[in-house]
Amino acid sequence: MKNYIDFIGEATSDNNLAKEYQSLIQNSDAVSLSNWFSGKGYAVNENECGKIINSKNNMKSARIGYIY
């Protein structure tokens, strides 16, 4: 199964995947985000998803790990 790094690489070339992700990190919890990743074929656990959600504003302002 692919991981978060694989996801970032693929989301940069798949606008629909990127938009789904952006919506989820704004309006979702760690469990839902982890389930979404799993459904897309990525292994990103709930703890990692919690970190993503908790740092979403910092990622966006730094333009790191946040797909525009």
Protein backbone atom coordinates (compact mmCIF):
# COMPACT_ATOMS: atom_id res chain seq x y z
CA MET A 1 0.00 0.00 0.00
CA LYS A 2 1.17 3.52 -0.77
CA ASN A 3 1.93 6.11 1.94
CA TYR A 4 1.41 9.86 2.47
CA ILE A 5 4.48 10.78 0.43
CA ASP A 6 3.09 8.78 -2.50
CA PHE A 7 -0.20 10.60 -2.07
CA ILE A 8 1.43 14.05 -2.21
CA GLY A 9 3.22 13.12 -5.43
CA GLU A 10 0.04 11.80 -7.02
CA ALA A 11 -2.20 14.63 -5.82
CA THR A 12 0.00 17.20 -7.53
CA SER A 13 -1.02 15.73 -10.88
CA ASP A 14 -4.62 14.76 -10.03
CA ASN A 15 -6.72 17.84 -9.41
CA ASN A 16 -9.78 15.87 -8.24
CA LEU A 17 -7.75 13.96 -5.67
CA ALA A 18 -6.25 17.22 -4.43
CA LYS A 19 -9.65 18.89 -4.10
CA GLU A 20 -11.10 15.96 -2.16
CA TYR A 21 -8.12 16.08 0.20
CA GLN A 22 -8.40 19.83 0.74
CA SER A 23 -12.07 19.52 1.58
CA LEU A 24 -11.48 16.64 3.97
CA ILE A 25 -8.69 18.27 5.96
CA GLN A 26 -10.87 21.35 6.41
CA ASN A 27 -14.07 19.54 7.36
CA SER A 28 -13.14 16.13 8.72
CA ASP A 29 -11.68 14.33 11.70
CA ALA A 30 -8.66 12.02 11.83
CA VAL A 31 -10.71 8.82 11.61
CA SER A 32 -12.63 9.97 8.53
CA LEU A 33 -9.47 11.21 6.83
CA SER A 34 -7.65 7.94 7.56
CA ASN A 35 -10.59 5.98 6.15
CA TRP A 36 -10.58 8.16 3.04
CA PHE A 37 -6.85 7.55 2.53
CA SER A 38 -7.39 3.82 2.96
CA GLY A 39 -10.19 3.83 0.42
CA LYS A 40 -7.87 5.54 -2.05
CA GLY A 41 -5.12 2.94 -1.48
CA TYR A 42 -2.88 4.85 0.94
CA ALA A 43 -1.77 3.73 4.39
CA VAL A 44 -2.07 6.85 6.55
CA ASN A 45 -3.09 6.02 10.11
CA GLU A 46 -5.35 8.02 12.42
CA ASN A 47 -2.43 9.46 14.38
CA GLU A 48 -0.82 10.78 11.19
CA CYS A 49 -4.15 12.16 10.00
CA GLY A 50 -4.59 13.95 13.32
CA LYS A 51 -1.23 15.62 12.79
CA ILE A 52 -2.22 16.61 9.26
CA ILE A 53 -5.50 18.15 10.44
CA ASN A 54 -3.87 19.91 13.40
CA SER A 55 -1.22 21.48 11.19
CA LYS A 56 -3.38 22.27 8.14
CA ASN A 57 -3.19 26.05 8.62
CA ASN A 58 0.59 25.99 9.06
CA MET A 59 0.99 23.75 6.00
CA LYS A 60 -1.15 26.09 3.93
CA SER A 61 0.72 29.25 4.93
CA ALA A 62 4.10 27.56 4.43
CA ARG A 63 2.89 25.98 1.16
CA ILE A 64 4.16 22.57 2.32
CA GLY A 65 2.03 19.44 2.11
CA TYR A 66 -1.10 21.37 1.23
CA ILE A 67 -2.33 20.95 -2.31
CA TYR A 68 -3.58 24.18 -3.92
